Structures are given as structure tokens and as C-alpha cells.
C-alpha atoms as a PDB file:
ATOM      1  CA  MET A   1      -3.150 -21.540  -9.729  1.00  0.00           C
ATOM      2  CA  ALA A   2      -2.381 -20.491  -6.149  1.00  0.00           C
ATOM      3  CA  ASP A   3      -4.993 -18.995  -3.834  1.00  0.00           C
ATOM      4  CA  PHE A   4      -5.658 -15.320  -4.443  1.00  0.00           C
ATOM      5  CA  PRO A   5      -3.063 -13.384  -2.388  1.00  0.00           C
ATOM      6  CA  PRO A   6      -4.039 -11.232   0.612  1.00  0.00           C
ATOM      7  CA  ILE A   7      -3.973  -7.446   0.558  1.00  0.00           C
ATOM      8  CA  THR A   8      -0.569  -6.240   1.740  1.00  0.00           C
ATOM      9  CA  HIS A   9      -1.227  -2.533   1.796  1.00  0.00           C
ATOM     10  CA  ILE A  10      -3.774   0.171   1.147  1.00  0.00           C
ATOM     11  CA  ALA A  11      -2.907   3.767   0.345  1.00  0.00           C
ATOM     12  CA  VAL A  12      -5.273   6.726   0.375  1.00  0.00           C
ATOM     13  CA  THR A  13      -4.522  10.182  -0.969  1.00  0.00           C
ATOM     14  CA  VAL A  14      -4.892  12.970   1.579  1.00  0.00           C
ATOM     15  CA  THR A  15      -4.872  16.727   1.173  1.00  0.00           C
ATOM     16  CA  ASP A  16      -2.611  17.552   4.122  1.00  0.00           C
ATOM     17  CA  LEU A  17      -0.220  15.096   5.787  1.00  0.00           C
ATOM     18  CA  ALA A  18       0.222  17.520   8.695  1.00  0.00           C
ATOM     19  CA  VAL A  19      -3.469  16.929   9.517  1.00  0.00           C
ATOM     20  CA  SER A  20      -3.911  13.299   8.457  1.00  0.00           C
ATOM     21  CA  ARG A  21      -0.668  11.850   9.867  1.00  0.00           C
ATOM     22  CA  PRO A  22      -1.533  12.652  13.537  1.00  0.00           C
ATOM     23  CA  TRP A  23      -5.227  11.799  13.015  1.00  0.00           C
ATOM     24  CA  TYR A  24      -4.391   8.312  11.743  1.00  0.00           C
ATOM     25  CA  GLY A  25      -1.632   8.013  14.355  1.00  0.00           C
ATOM     26  CA  ARG A  26      -4.232   8.485  17.111  1.00  0.00           C
ATOM     27  CA  LEU A  27      -6.614   6.061  15.387  1.00  0.00           C
ATOM     28  CA  PHE A  28      -3.963   3.352  14.923  1.00  0.00           C
ATOM     29  CA  GLY A  29      -2.195   4.072  18.216  1.00  0.00           C
ATOM     30  CA  SER A  30       1.187   4.273  16.507  1.00  0.00           C
ATOM     31  CA  GLU A  31       3.547   6.394  14.477  1.00  0.00           C
ATOM     32  CA  PRO A  32       4.318   5.754  10.797  1.00  0.00           C
ATOM     33  CA  VAL A  33       7.003   3.159  10.126  1.00  0.00           C
ATOM     34  CA  LEU A  34       7.941   5.043   6.963  1.00  0.00           C
ATOM     35  CA  ASP A  35       7.576   8.747   6.163  1.00  0.00           C
ATOM     36  CA  GLU A  36       9.394   9.871   3.039  1.00  0.00           C
ATOM     37  CA  ASP A  37       9.297  11.817  -0.170  1.00  0.00           C
ATOM     38  CA  ALA A  38       9.317   9.240  -2.971  1.00  0.00           C
ATOM     39  CA  GLY A  39       9.559  11.850  -5.735  1.00  0.00           C
ATOM     40  CA  ALA A  40       6.213  11.280  -7.446  1.00  0.00           C
ATOM     41  CA  PHE A  41       4.478  11.384  -4.049  1.00  0.00           C
ATOM     42  CA  HIS A  42       5.143  11.726  -0.331  1.00  0.00           C
ATOM     43  CA  HIS A  43       3.911   8.921   1.874  1.00  0.00           C
ATOM     44  CA  ALA A  44       3.529   8.092   5.531  1.00  0.00           C
ATOM     45  CA  VAL A  45       2.946   4.378   6.137  1.00  0.00           C
ATOM     46  CA  PHE A  46       1.504   2.728   9.248  1.00  0.00           C
ATOM     47  CA  ALA A  47       1.961  -0.955  10.132  1.00  0.00           C
ATOM     48  CA  LEU A  48      -1.314  -2.426  11.379  1.00  0.00           C
ATOM     49  CA  GLY A  49      -1.373  -5.342  13.799  1.00  0.00           C
ATOM     50  CA  SER A  50      -2.668  -7.632  11.069  1.00  0.00           C
ATOM     51  CA  GLY A  51       0.515  -7.212   9.031  1.00  0.00           C
ATOM     52  CA  THR A  52      -1.226  -4.912   6.570  1.00  0.00           C
ATOM     53  CA  LEU A  53       0.314  -1.536   5.792  1.00  0.00           C
ATOM     54  CA  PHE A  54      -1.871   1.576   5.555  1.00  0.00           C
ATOM     55  CA  GLY A  55      -0.360   4.464   3.604  1.00  0.00           C
ATOM     56  CA  LEU A  56      -1.195   8.137   3.318  1.00  0.00           C
ATOM     57  CA  HIS A  57      -0.096   9.786   0.068  1.00  0.00           C
ATOM     58  CA  THR A  58       0.203  13.374  -1.092  1.00  0.00           C
ATOM     59  CA  HIS A  59       1.185  14.339  -4.616  1.00  0.00           C
ATOM     60  CA  PRO A  60       3.384  17.289  -5.648  1.00  0.00           C
ATOM     61  CA  ALA A  61       0.870  18.326  -8.303  1.00  0.00           C
ATOM     62  CA  GLY A  62      -1.407  19.221  -5.417  1.00  0.00           C
ATOM     63  CA  ASP A  63      -4.983  18.552  -4.528  1.00  0.00           C
ATOM     64  CA  THR A  64      -7.716  18.766  -7.148  1.00  0.00           C
ATOM     65  CA  GLY A  65     -10.053  20.319  -4.571  1.00  0.00           C
ATOM     66  CA  VAL A  66     -12.589  17.517  -5.010  1.00  0.00           C
ATOM     67  CA  ARG A  67     -13.640  16.049  -1.661  1.00  0.00           C
ATOM     68  CA  PHE A  68     -13.830  12.247  -1.355  1.00  0.00           C
ATOM     69  CA  ASP A  69     -17.251  10.861  -2.227  1.00  0.00           C
ATOM     70  CA  GLU A  70     -17.849   7.108  -2.324  1.00  0.00           C
ATOM     71  CA  ARG A  71     -20.569   7.629  -4.928  1.00  0.00           C
ATOM     72  CA  ASN A  72     -17.850   8.398  -7.491  1.00  0.00           C
ATOM     73  CA  SER A  73     -16.000   5.606  -9.262  1.00  0.00           C
ATOM     74  CA  GLY A  74     -13.025   4.325  -7.307  1.00  0.00           C
ATOM     75  CA  LEU A  75     -12.755   3.563  -3.629  1.00  0.00           C
ATOM     76  CA  ASP A  76     -15.991   3.149  -1.677  1.00  0.00           C
ATOM     77  CA  HIS A  77     -14.599   2.560   1.823  1.00  0.00           C
ATOM     78  CA  VAL A  78     -11.931   0.740   3.796  1.00  0.00           C
ATOM     79  CA  ALA A  79     -13.085  -1.737   6.450  1.00  0.00           C
ATOM     80  CA  PHE A  80     -11.053  -3.051   9.381  1.00  0.00           C
ATOM     81  CA  GLY A  81     -12.039  -6.511  10.639  1.00  0.00           C
ATOM     82  CA  CYS A  82     -13.268  -7.098  14.176  1.00  0.00           C
ATOM     83  CA  ALA A  83     -14.042 -10.435  15.802  1.00  0.00           C
ATOM     84  CA  SER A  84     -17.397  -9.511  17.335  1.00  0.00           C
ATOM     85  CA  ARG A  85     -20.079  -6.908  17.887  1.00  0.00           C
ATOM     86  CA  THR A  86     -18.657  -6.432  21.404  1.00  0.00           C
ATOM     87  CA  GLU A  87     -15.335  -5.403  19.838  1.00  0.00           C
ATOM     88  CA  LEU A  88     -17.214  -2.906  17.635  1.00  0.00           C
ATOM     89  CA  GLU A  89     -18.764  -1.377  20.754  1.00  0.00           C
ATOM     90  CA  GLN A  90     -15.266  -1.016  22.247  1.00  0.00           C
ATOM     91  CA  TRP A  91     -14.114   0.753  19.071  1.00  0.00           C
ATOM     92  CA  ALA A  92     -17.145   3.063  19.236  1.00  0.00           C
ATOM     93  CA  ARG A  93     -16.115   4.091  22.758  1.00  0.00           C
ATOM     94  CA  HIS A  94     -12.517   4.585  21.599  1.00  0.00           C
ATOM     95  CA  LEU A  95     -13.637   6.771  18.687  1.00  0.00           C
ATOM     96  CA  ASP A  96     -15.690   8.806  21.197  1.00  0.00           C
ATOM     97  CA  GLU A  97     -12.567   9.233  23.356  1.00  0.00           C
ATOM     98  CA  LEU A  98     -10.652  10.453  20.279  1.00  0.00           C
ATOM     99  CA  GLY A  99     -13.452  12.873  19.367  1.00  0.00           C
ATOM    100  CA  ILE A 100     -14.083  11.081  16.060  1.00  0.00           C
ATOM    101  CA  GLU A 101     -17.715  11.181  14.949  1.00  0.00           C
ATOM    102  CA  HIS A 102     -19.259   7.894  13.889  1.00  0.00           C
ATOM    103  CA  GLY A 103     -22.616   6.403  13.022  1.00  0.00           C
ATOM    104  CA  GLY A 104     -22.817   3.930  15.911  1.00  0.00           C
ATOM    105  CA  VAL A 105     -22.889   0.176  15.498  1.00  0.00           C
ATOM    106  CA  VAL A 106     -25.324  -0.841  12.759  1.00  0.00           C
ATOM    107  CA  ASP A 107     -26.471  -4.452  12.446  1.00  0.00           C
ATOM    108  CA  ALA A 108     -27.380  -6.248   9.211  1.00  0.00           C
ATOM    109  CA  HIS A 109     -27.905  -9.880   8.314  1.00  0.00           C
ATOM    110  CA  TYR A 110     -24.350 -10.049   6.855  1.00  0.00           C
ATOM    111  CA  GLY A 111     -22.640  -8.500   9.910  1.00  0.00           C
ATOM    112  CA  SER A 112     -22.308  -5.341  11.977  1.00  0.00           C
ATOM    113  CA  GLY A 113     -20.449  -2.165  11.092  1.00  0.00           C
ATOM    114  CA  LEU A 114     -19.238   1.041  12.693  1.00  0.00           C
ATOM    115  CA  SER A 115     -18.723   3.777  10.079  1.00  0.00           C
ATOM    116  CA  PHE A 116     -16.676   6.971  10.402  1.00  0.00           C
ATOM    117  CA  ARG A 117     -14.661   9.346   8.188  1.00  0.00           C
ATOM    118  CA  ASP A 118     -11.134  10.720   8.114  1.00  0.00           C
ATOM    119  CA  PRO A 119     -10.294  14.444   7.782  1.00  0.00           C
ATOM    120  CA  ASP A 120     -10.603  14.168   3.958  1.00  0.00           C
ATOM    121  CA  ASN A 121     -14.022  12.487   4.246  1.00  0.00           C
ATOM    122  CA  VAL A 122     -12.648   9.046   3.270  1.00  0.00           C
ATOM    123  CA  ALA A 123     -15.172   6.450   4.454  1.00  0.00           C
ATOM    124  CA  LEU A 124     -13.759   4.015   7.023  1.00  0.00           C
ATOM    125  CA  GLU A 125     -15.457   1.197   8.918  1.00  0.00           C
ATOM    126  CA  PHE A 126     -14.906  -1.407  11.594  1.00  0.00           C
ATOM    127  CA  PHE A 127     -16.770  -4.590  10.604  1.00  0.00           C
ATOM    128  CA  ALA A 128     -17.649  -7.820  12.420  1.00  0.00           C
ATOM    129  CA  PRO A 129     -19.290 -10.921  10.917  1.00  0.00           C
ATOM    130  CA  PRO A 130     -22.730 -11.956  12.163  1.00  0.00           C
ATOM    131  CA  SER A 131     -22.708 -13.757  15.487  1.00  0.00           C
END
């Protein structure tokens, strides 16, 4: 059996692409590489420097009106890897520049994290291993 394959893409459902597309564009520092109606859903997809794709989806059936909550079954959060705590501090300053609220760098024995949320309350994090 081969090694378990890496994650190629992640897609999150958003309520309003007109809000989320520019928000993620500022966060990622880029425009989507794909933005199309696929019939069952519309998606805008960003290419991250790591080779991973990050997609935003909306569905024609519309939003259920339930706000994201990691305490429900399903996705808990998405974490982006950083090399060091110093890099996390740089991201904290960048989030401040973008006006994105965050919880500051938090240290634990397993690493350090910087948590924040998107316009739909999806939990996001920058994470660095312990030094």
C-alpha cells in the first residue's frame, strides 16, 4: 500500500460569494484561479503556495440559515502550516492590517496557533510546530 496521499483541496460552503471571495482574496493575496457555476454549485478556487487548492462553494438551493459552529458534527477548523512562532507573529500583524480579528498567538506543548474566523464564522488557524 502506498503512503496516504496529501490533501489536494479543501472546499468550504459560504453564504455569499460576493462577500467571501474578496475576503479570502485579501487573506491569500491572490485572485481565484477558477470561478464558475458548476451546476450543482458555484465555486471560486484559490491556489495556495503549497500547491493546495482552497475552494469556496455556494449552492443553488440556498443557505440553510445555520451559522458555522465547530461544535456540530463535520468540519472543526482549517489550519495553515507555518514554520515557526515568529511566522505566526508576522501573520498576526498581517491580519491586523487586514482588519481581521484574531485570538493572538497561543502556545501549547504541541505547537502554537493563531485562530481567526471568516465572514461565515468558519474557524481558521495558522499553526506552527513547537520550537
